[in-house]
Amino acid sequence: MNEEILFSSPEQIARDQQRFISKVYGWMAAALAITGMVAWWASTSEAALGFIYSNPGILIGLMIVKLLLVGSLAGWVNKMSSQTATA
């Protein structure tokens, strides 16, 4: 079995890092745009505002779900491969 060790030049590493960071910022921008659209919709929808503020339990439940989602994503990120995280 012939195993080769491949080395990248510093320029190639810099290009790969730049491409990776560009993808990360692209995903972050998309997520921020979606968050903004949902926030705008919720703030202009009488039905959504009425549903959220009709019962304090709903608002507290939404906050708990948000915290659980963030916590689970933070836990998953350590278990993901780099290909999965950047896909």
PDB file of N, CA and C in Angstrom:
ATOM      1  N   MET A   1       0.837  -1.162   0.000  1.00  0.00           N
ATOM      2  CA  MET A   1       0.000   0.000   0.000  1.00  0.00           C
ATOM      3  C   MET A   1       0.891   1.237   0.000  1.00  0.00           C
ATOM      4  N   ASN A   2       0.649   2.114  -0.931  1.00  0.00           N
ATOM      5  CA  ASN A   2       1.444   3.321  -1.076  1.00  0.00           C
ATOM      6  C   ASN A   2       0.686   4.493  -0.459  1.00  0.00           C
ATOM      7  N   GLU A   3       1.234   5.058   0.593  1.00  0.00           N
ATOM      8  CA  GLU A   3       0.603   6.202   1.240  1.00  0.00           C
ATOM      9  C   GLU A   3       1.407   7.451   0.926  1.00  0.00           C
ATOM     10  N   GLU A   4       0.691   8.467   0.464  1.00  0.00           N
ATOM     11  CA  GLU A   4       1.348   9.729   0.157  1.00  0.00           C
ATOM     12  C   GLU A   4       0.927  10.774   1.176  1.00  0.00           C
ATOM     13  N   ILE A   5       1.850  11.582   1.540  1.00  0.00           N
ATOM     14  CA  ILE A   5       1.552  12.707   2.410  1.00  0.00           C
ATOM     15  C   ILE A   5       1.554  13.949   1.529  1.00  0.00           C
ATOM     16  N   LEU A   6       0.412  14.600   1.485  1.00  0.00           N
ATOM     17  CA  LEU A   6       0.275  15.786   0.645  1.00  0.00           C
ATOM     18  C   LEU A   6       0.375  17.033   1.511  1.00  0.00           C
ATOM     19  N   PHE A   7       1.178  17.957   1.074  1.00  0.00           N
ATOM     20  CA  PHE A   7       1.339  19.217   1.778  1.00  0.00           C
ATOM     21  C   PHE A   7       0.781  20.330   0.907  1.00  0.00           C
ATOM     22  N   SER A   8       0.070  21.244   1.544  1.00  0.00           N
ATOM     23  CA  SER A   8      -0.453  22.405   0.834  1.00  0.00           C
ATOM     24  C   SER A   8       0.468  23.586   1.064  1.00  0.00           C
ATOM     25  N   SER A   9       0.541  24.413   0.052  1.00  0.00           N
ATOM     26  CA  SER A   9       1.349  25.623   0.188  1.00  0.00           C
ATOM     27  C   SER A   9       0.611  26.608   1.102  1.00  0.00           C
ATOM     28  N   PRO A  10       1.325  27.537   1.681  1.00  0.00           N
ATOM     29  CA  PRO A  10       0.668  28.546   2.521  1.00  0.00           C
ATOM     30  C   PRO A  10      -0.397  29.339   1.754  1.00  0.00           C
ATOM     31  N   GLU A  11      -0.163  29.568   0.471  1.00  0.00           N
ATOM     32  CA  GLU A  11      -1.148  30.292  -0.340  1.00  0.00           C
ATOM     33  C   GLU A  11      -2.428  29.479  -0.486  1.00  0.00           C
ATOM     34  N   GLN A  12      -2.285  28.160  -0.709  1.00  0.00           N
ATOM     35  CA  GLN A  12      -3.457  27.298  -0.844  1.00  0.00           C
ATOM     36  C   GLN A  12      -4.229  27.232   0.474  1.00  0.00           C
ATOM     37  N   ILE A  13      -3.518  27.150   1.564  1.00  0.00           N
ATOM     38  CA  ILE A  13      -4.168  27.129   2.879  1.00  0.00           C
ATOM     39  C   ILE A  13      -4.928  28.430   3.108  1.00  0.00           C
ATOM     40  N   ALA A  14      -4.328  29.547   2.747  1.00  0.00           N
ATOM     41  CA  ALA A  14      -4.987  30.847   2.909  1.00  0.00           C
ATOM     42  C   ALA A  14      -6.248  30.929   2.054  1.00  0.00           C
ATOM     43  N   ARG A  15      -6.190  30.418   0.817  1.00  0.00           N
ATOM     44  CA  ARG A  15      -7.376  30.420  -0.051  1.00  0.00           C
ATOM     45  C   ARG A  15      -8.476  29.537   0.523  1.00  0.00           C
ATOM     46  N   ASP A  16      -8.095  28.364   1.033  1.00  0.00           N
ATOM     47  CA  ASP A  16      -9.082  27.460   1.622  1.00  0.00           C
ATOM     48  C   ASP A  16      -9.734  28.084   2.856  1.00  0.00           C
ATOM     49  N   GLN A  17      -8.930  28.741   3.673  1.00  0.00           N
ATOM     50  CA  GLN A  17      -9.477  29.402   4.854  1.00  0.00           C
ATOM     51  C   GLN A  17     -10.410  30.539   4.462  1.00  0.00           C
ATOM     52  N   GLN A  18     -10.032  31.292   3.447  1.00  0.00           N
ATOM     53  CA  GLN A  18     -10.872  32.395   2.993  1.00  0.00           C
ATOM     54  C   GLN A  18     -12.201  31.870   2.447  1.00  0.00           C
ATOM     55  N   ARG A  19     -12.152  30.786   1.697  1.00  0.00           N
ATOM     56  CA  ARG A  19     -13.369  30.184   1.155  1.00  0.00           C
ATOM     57  C   ARG A  19     -14.267  29.680   2.293  1.00  0.00           C
ATOM     58  N   PHE A  20     -13.668  29.050   3.303  1.00  0.00           N
ATOM     59  CA  PHE A  20     -14.422  28.543   4.439  1.00  0.00           C
ATOM     60  C   PHE A  20     -15.101  29.679   5.198  1.00  0.00           C
ATOM     61  N   ILE A  21     -14.344  30.735   5.488  1.00  0.00           N
ATOM     62  CA  ILE A  21     -14.904  31.874   6.223  1.00  0.00           C
ATOM     63  C   ILE A  21     -15.999  32.552   5.402  1.00  0.00           C
ATOM     64  N   SER A  22     -15.833  32.622   4.092  1.00  0.00           N
ATOM     65  CA  SER A  22     -16.875  33.202   3.238  1.00  0.00           C
ATOM     66  C   SER A  22     -18.160  32.392   3.327  1.00  0.00           C
ATOM     67  N   LYS A  23     -18.039  31.066   3.338  1.00  0.00           N
ATOM     68  CA  LYS A  23     -19.226  30.215   3.488  1.00  0.00           C
ATOM     69  C   LYS A  23     -19.890  30.436   4.842  1.00  0.00           C
ATOM     70  N   VAL A  24     -19.083  30.521   5.887  1.00  0.00           N
ATOM     71  CA  VAL A  24     -19.632  30.738   7.228  1.00  0.00           C
ATOM     72  C   VAL A  24     -20.400  32.054   7.272  1.00  0.00           C
ATOM     73  N   TYR A  25     -19.803  33.124   6.757  1.00  0.00           N
ATOM     74  CA  TYR A  25     -20.482  34.413   6.758  1.00  0.00           C
ATOM     75  C   TYR A  25     -21.723  34.392   5.865  1.00  0.00           C
ATOM     76  N   GLY A  26     -21.696  33.634   4.793  1.00  0.00           N
ATOM     77  CA  GLY A  26     -22.879  33.498   3.952  1.00  0.00           C
ATOM     78  C   GLY A  26     -24.032  32.848   4.700  1.00  0.00           C
ATOM     79  N   TRP A  27     -23.740  31.762   5.409  1.00  0.00           N
ATOM     80  CA  TRP A  27     -24.775  31.094   6.209  1.00  0.00           C
ATOM     81  C   TRP A  27     -25.277  32.009   7.319  1.00  0.00           C
ATOM     82  N   MET A  28     -24.373  32.740   7.942  1.00  0.00           N
ATOM     83  CA  MET A  28     -24.780  33.659   9.007  1.00  0.00           C
ATOM     84  C   MET A  28     -25.678  34.765   8.456  1.00  0.00           C
ATOM     85  N   ALA A  29     -25.350  35.286   7.296  1.00  0.00           N
ATOM     86  CA  ALA A  29     -26.166  36.336   6.687  1.00  0.00           C
ATOM     87  C   ALA A  29     -27.544  35.805   6.316  1.00  0.00           C
ATOM     88  N   ALA A  30     -27.594  34.590   5.779  1.00  0.00           N
ATOM     89  CA  ALA A  30     -28.884  33.989   5.428  1.00  0.00           C
ATOM     90  C   ALA A  30     -29.736  33.772   6.676  1.00  0.00           C
ATOM     91  N   ALA A  31     -29.130  33.277   7.739  1.00  0.00           N
ATOM     92  CA  ALA A  31     -29.869  33.050   8.984  1.00  0.00           C
ATOM     93  C   ALA A  31     -30.373  34.362   9.570  1.00  0.00           C
ATOM     94  N   LEU A  32     -29.557  35.398   9.497  1.00  0.00           N
ATOM     95  CA  LEU A  32     -29.969  36.699  10.014  1.00  0.00           C
ATOM     96  C   LEU A  32     -31.112  37.280   9.180  1.00  0.00           C
ATOM     97  N   ALA A  33     -31.066  37.087   7.870  1.00  0.00           N
ATOM     98  CA  ALA A  33     -32.149  37.564   7.005  1.00  0.00           C
ATOM     99  C   ALA A  33     -33.455  36.836   7.315  1.00  0.00           C
ATOM    100  N   ILE A  34     -33.384  35.526   7.505  1.00  0.00           N
ATOM    101  CA  ILE A  34     -34.584  34.752   7.846  1.00  0.00           C
ATOM    102  C   ILE A  34     -35.130  35.198   9.199  1.00  0.00           C
ATOM    103  N   THR A  35     -34.246  35.391  10.169  1.00  0.00           N
ATOM    104  CA  THR A  35     -34.667  35.856  11.489  1.00  0.00           C
ATOM    105  C   THR A  35     -35.351  37.216  11.388  1.00  0.00           C
ATOM    106  N   GLY A  36     -34.788  38.103  10.594  1.00  0.00           N
ATOM    107  CA  GLY A  36     -35.386  39.419  10.415  1.00  0.00           C
ATOM    108  C   GLY A  36     -36.758  39.352   9.769  1.00  0.00           C
ATOM    109  N   MET A  37     -36.908  38.491   8.755  1.00  0.00           N
ATOM    110  CA  MET A  37     -38.208  38.358   8.095  1.00  0.00           C
ATOM    111  C   MET A  37     -39.262  37.789   9.040  1.00  0.00           C
ATOM    112  N   VAL A  38     -38.886  36.786   9.829  1.00  0.00           N
ATOM    113  CA  VAL A  38     -39.834  36.200  10.782  1.00  0.00           C
ATOM    114  C   VAL A  38     -40.197  37.220  11.859  1.00  0.00           C
ATOM    115  N   ALA A  39     -39.216  37.975  12.349  1.00  0.00           N
ATOM    116  CA  ALA A  39     -39.493  38.998  13.359  1.00  0.00           C
ATOM    117  C   ALA A  39     -40.407  40.082  12.794  1.00  0.00           C
ATOM    118  N   TRP A  40     -40.160  40.490  11.565  1.00  0.00           N
ATOM    119  CA  TRP A  40     -41.019  41.500  10.938  1.00  0.00           C
ATOM    120  C   TRP A  40     -42.437  40.971  10.790  1.00  0.00           C
ATOM    121  N   TRP A  41     -42.564  39.731  10.302  1.00  0.00           N
ATOM    122  CA  TRP A  41     -43.892  39.132  10.139  1.00  0.00           C
ATOM    123  C   TRP A  41     -44.617  39.043  11.475  1.00  0.00           C
ATOM    124  N   ALA A  42     -43.920  38.563  12.510  1.00  0.00           N
ATOM    125  CA  ALA A  42     -44.558  38.404  13.814  1.00  0.00           C
ATOM    126  C   ALA A  42     -44.971  39.748  14.400  1.00  0.00           C
ATOM    127  N   SER A  43     -44.183  40.787  14.158  1.00  0.00           N
ATOM    128  CA  SER A  43     -44.511  42.092  14.734  1.00  0.00           C
ATOM    129  C   SER A  43     -45.634  42.801  13.986  1.00  0.00           C
ATOM    130  N   THR A  44     -45.883  42.428  12.743  1.00  0.00           N
ATOM    131  CA  THR A  44     -46.947  43.076  11.971  1.00  0.00           C
ATOM    132  C   THR A  44     -48.210  42.239  11.891  1.00  0.00           C
ATOM    133  N   SER A  45     -48.182  41.030  12.402  1.00  0.00           N
ATOM    134  CA  SER A  45     -49.341  40.146  12.342  1.00  0.00           C
ATOM    135  C   SER A  45     -50.119  40.217  13.653  1.00  0.00           C
ATOM    136  N   GLU A  46     -51.342  40.702  13.568  1.00  0.00           N
ATOM    137  CA  GLU A  46     -52.189  40.762  14.764  1.00  0.00           C
ATOM    138  C   GLU A  46     -52.442  39.362  15.320  1.00  0.00           C
ATOM    139  N   ALA A  47     -52.607  38.389  14.437  1.00  0.00           N
ATOM    140  CA  ALA A  47     -52.869  37.020  14.883  1.00  0.00           C
ATOM    141  C   ALA A  47     -51.673  36.449  15.647  1.00  0.00           C
ATOM    142  N   ALA A  48     -50.469  36.675  15.124  1.00  0.00           N
ATOM    143  CA  ALA A  48     -49.272  36.158  15.794  1.00  0.00           C
ATOM    144  C   ALA A  48     -49.072  36.842  17.139  1.00  0.00           C
ATOM    145  N   LEU A  49     -49.216  38.159  17.181  1.00  0.00           N
ATOM    146  CA  LEU A  49     -49.060  38.874  18.444  1.00  0.00           C
ATOM    147  C   LEU A  49     -50.118  38.454  19.455  1.00  0.00           C
ATOM    148  N   GLY A  50     -51.350  38.296  18.985  1.00  0.00           N
ATOM    149  CA  GLY A  50     -52.416  37.856  19.876  1.00  0.00           C
ATOM    150  C   GLY A  50     -52.153  36.470  20.433  1.00  0.00           C
ATOM    151  N   PHE A  51     -51.659  35.571  19.583  1.00  0.00           N
ATOM    152  CA  PHE A  51     -51.355  34.207  20.030  1.00  0.00           C
ATOM    153  C   PHE A  51     -50.228  34.202  21.053  1.00  0.00           C
ATOM    154  N   ILE A  52     -49.178  34.947  20.791  1.00  0.00           N
ATOM    155  CA  ILE A  52     -48.012  34.942  21.677  1.00  0.00           C
ATOM    156  C   ILE A  52     -48.338  35.590  23.020  1.00  0.00           C
ATOM    157  N   TYR A  53     -49.052  36.698  23.003  1.00  0.00           N
ATOM    158  CA  TYR A  53     -49.307  37.437  24.238  1.00  0.00           C
ATOM    159  C   TYR A  53     -50.628  37.083  24.906  1.00  0.00           C
ATOM    160  N   SER A  54     -51.410  36.161  24.340  1.00  0.00           N
ATOM    161  CA  SER A  54     -52.686  35.799  24.946  1.00  0.00           C
ATOM    162  C   SER A  54     -52.506  35.022  26.239  1.00  0.00           C
ATOM    163  N   ASN A  55     -51.410  34.313  26.353  1.00  0.00           N
ATOM    164  CA  ASN A  55     -51.167  33.484  27.525  1.00  0.00           C
ATOM    165  C   ASN A  55     -49.682  33.583  27.866  1.00  0.00           C
ATOM    166  N   PRO A  56     -49.342  33.948  29.101  1.00  0.00           N
ATOM    167  CA  PRO A  56     -47.917  34.055  29.459  1.00  0.00           C
ATOM    168  C   PRO A  56     -47.164  32.735  29.290  1.00  0.00           C
ATOM    169  N   GLY A  57     -47.851  31.623  29.399  1.00  0.00           N
ATOM    170  CA  GLY A  57     -47.207  30.315  29.240  1.00  0.00           C
ATOM    171  C   GLY A  57     -46.661  30.113  27.835  1.00  0.00           C
ATOM    172  N   ILE A  58     -47.327  30.669  26.843  1.00  0.00           N
ATOM    173  CA  ILE A  58     -46.861  30.530  25.459  1.00  0.00           C
ATOM    174  C   ILE A  58     -45.543  31.273  25.282  1.00  0.00           C
ATOM    175  N   LEU A  59     -45.461  32.483  25.802  1.00  0.00           N
ATOM    176  CA  LEU A  59     -44.229  33.269  25.686  1.00  0.00           C
ATOM    177  C   LEU A  59     -43.076  32.588  26.421  1.00  0.00           C
ATOM    178  N   ILE A  60     -43.343  32.106  27.622  1.00  0.00           N
ATOM    179  CA  ILE A  60     -42.305  31.402  28.385  1.00  0.00           C
ATOM    180  C   ILE A  60     -41.911  30.115  27.669  1.00  0.00           C
ATOM    181  N   GLY A  61     -42.895  29.404  27.115  1.00  0.00           N
ATOM    182  CA  GLY A  61     -42.610  28.177  26.368  1.00  0.00           C
ATOM    183  C   GLY A  61     -41.736  28.443  25.152  1.00  0.00           C
ATOM    184  N   LEU A  62     -42.017  29.522  24.434  1.00  0.00           N
ATOM    185  CA  LEU A  62     -41.193  29.876  23.279  1.00  0.00           C
ATOM    186  C   LEU A  62     -39.760  30.187  23.694  1.00  0.00           C
ATOM    187  N   MET A  63     -39.597  30.854  24.819  1.00  0.00           N
ATOM    188  CA  MET A  63     -38.243  31.154  25.305  1.00  0.00           C
ATOM    189  C   MET A  63     -37.502  29.877  25.688  1.00  0.00           C
ATOM    190  N   ILE A  64     -38.200  28.948  26.328  1.00  0.00           N
ATOM    191  CA  ILE A  64     -37.570  27.683  26.717  1.00  0.00           C
ATOM    192  C   ILE A  64     -37.179  26.881  25.482  1.00  0.00           C
ATOM    193  N   VAL A  65     -38.068  26.822  24.492  1.00  0.00           N
ATOM    194  CA  VAL A  65     -37.761  26.102  23.252  1.00  0.00           C
ATOM    195  C   VAL A  65     -36.545  26.716  22.573  1.00  0.00           C
ATOM    196  N   LYS A  66     -36.472  28.041  22.560  1.00  0.00           N
ATOM    197  CA  LYS A  66     -35.324  28.720  21.948  1.00  0.00           C
ATOM    198  C   LYS A  66     -34.022  28.349  22.657  1.00  0.00           C
ATOM    199  N   LEU A  67     -34.036  28.354  23.975  1.00  0.00           N
ATOM    200  CA  LEU A  67     -32.833  27.997  24.729  1.00  0.00           C
ATOM    201  C   LEU A  67     -32.446  26.532  24.507  1.00  0.00           C
ATOM    202  N   LEU A  68     -33.433  25.640  24.461  1.00  0.00           N
ATOM    203  CA  LEU A  68     -33.143  24.226  24.204  1.00  0.00           C
ATOM    204  C   LEU A  68     -32.567  24.025  22.804  1.00  0.00           C
ATOM    205  N   LEU A  69     -33.096  24.746  21.835  1.00  0.00           N
ATOM    206  CA  LEU A  69     -32.582  24.644  20.467  1.00  0.00           C
ATOM    207  C   LEU A  69     -31.135  25.115  20.390  1.00  0.00           C
ATOM    208  N   VAL A  70     -30.832  26.233  21.013  1.00  0.00           N
ATOM    209  CA  VAL A  70     -29.459  26.743  21.007  1.00  0.00           C
ATOM    210  C   VAL A  70     -28.529  25.773  21.721  1.00  0.00           C
ATOM    211  N   GLY A  71     -28.968  25.241  22.854  1.00  0.00           N
ATOM    212  CA  GLY A  71     -28.143  24.285  23.594  1.00  0.00           C
ATOM    213  C   GLY A  71     -27.877  23.015  22.815  1.00  0.00           C
ATOM    214  N   SER A  72     -28.902  22.503  22.127  1.00  0.00           N
ATOM    215  CA  SER A  72     -28.699  21.278  21.347  1.00  0.00           C
ATOM    216  C   SER A  72     -27.792  21.527  20.150  1.00  0.00           C
ATOM    217  N   LEU A  73     -27.939  22.659  19.492  1.00  0.00           N
ATOM    218  CA  LEU A  73     -27.049  22.976  18.368  1.00  0.00           C
ATOM    219  C   LEU A  73     -25.612  23.147  18.836  1.00  0.00           C
ATOM    220  N   ALA A  74     -25.426  23.751  19.998  1.00  0.00           N
ATOM    221  CA  ALA A  74     -24.069  23.916  20.535  1.00  0.00           C
ATOM    222  C   ALA A  74     -23.451  22.561  20.852  1.00  0.00           C
ATOM    223  N   GLY A  75     -24.253  21.622  21.323  1.00  0.00           N
ATOM    224  CA  GLY A  75     -23.743  20.282  21.602  1.00  0.00           C
ATOM    225  C   GLY A  75     -23.441  19.507  20.334  1.00  0.00           C
ATOM    226  N   TRP A  76     -24.283  19.668  19.323  1.00  0.00           N
ATOM    227  CA  TRP A  76     -24.092  18.938  18.060  1.00  0.00           C
ATOM    228  C   TRP A  76     -22.861  19.415  17.310  1.00  0.00           C
ATOM    229  N   VAL A  77     -22.526  20.684  17.427  1.00  0.00           N
ATOM    230  CA  VAL A  77     -21.429  21.229  16.632  1.00  0.00           C
ATOM    231  C   VAL A  77     -20.106  20.558  16.994  1.00  0.00           C
ATOM    232  N   ASN A  78     -19.951  20.126  18.231  1.00  0.00           N
ATOM    233  CA  ASN A  78     -18.720  19.443  18.627  1.00  0.00           C
ATOM    234  C   ASN A  78     -18.642  18.026  18.074  1.00  0.00           C
ATOM    235  N   LYS A  79     -19.790  17.436  17.733  1.00  0.00           N
ATOM    236  CA  LYS A  79     -19.820  16.066  17.230  1.00  0.00           C
ATOM    237  C   LYS A  79     -19.800  15.998  15.705  1.00  0.00           C
ATOM    238  N   MET A  80     -20.035  17.115  15.040  1.00  0.00           N
ATOM    239  CA  MET A  80     -20.102  17.133  13.574  1.00  0.00           C
ATOM    240  C   MET A  80     -18.713  17.048  12.956  1.00  0.00           C
ATOM    241  N   SER A  81     -18.682  16.442  11.774  1.00  0.00           N
ATOM    242  CA  SER A  81     -17.444  16.496  11.001  1.00  0.00           C
ATOM    243  C   SER A  81     -17.356  17.872  10.346  1.00  0.00           C
ATOM    244  N   SER A  82     -16.189  18.237   9.897  1.00  0.00           N
ATOM    245  CA  SER A  82     -16.037  19.550   9.272  1.00  0.00           C
ATOM    246  C   SER A  82     -16.835  19.636   7.973  1.00  0.00           C
ATOM    247  N   GLN A  83     -16.973  18.520   7.255  1.00  0.00           N
ATOM    248  CA  GLN A  83     -17.759  18.531   6.019  1.00  0.00           C
ATOM    249  C   GLN A  83     -19.235  18.768   6.319  1.00  0.00           C
ATOM    250  N   THR A  84     -19.754  18.153   7.373  1.00  0.00           N
ATOM    251  CA  THR A  84     -21.152  18.346   7.739  1.00  0.00           C
ATOM    252  C   THR A  84     -21.392  19.774   8.199  1.00  0.00           C
ATOM    253  N   ALA A  85     -20.486  20.309   8.973  1.00  0.00           N
ATOM    254  CA  ALA A  85     -20.653  21.660   9.504  1.00  0.00           C
ATOM    255  C   ALA A  85     -20.610  22.710   8.405  1.00  0.00           C
ATOM    256  N   THR A  86     -19.870  22.468   7.338  1.00  0.00           N
ATOM    257  CA  THR A  86     -19.749  23.468   6.274  1.00  0.00           C
ATOM    258  C   THR A  86     -20.679  23.206   5.106  1.00  0.00           C
ATOM    259  N   ALA A  87     -21.429  22.127   5.128  1.00  0.00           N
ATOM    260  CA  ALA A  87     -22.323  21.791   4.004  1.00  0.00           C
ATOM    261  C   ALA A  87     -23.484  22.742   3.918  1.00  0.00           C
TER     262      ALA A  87
END
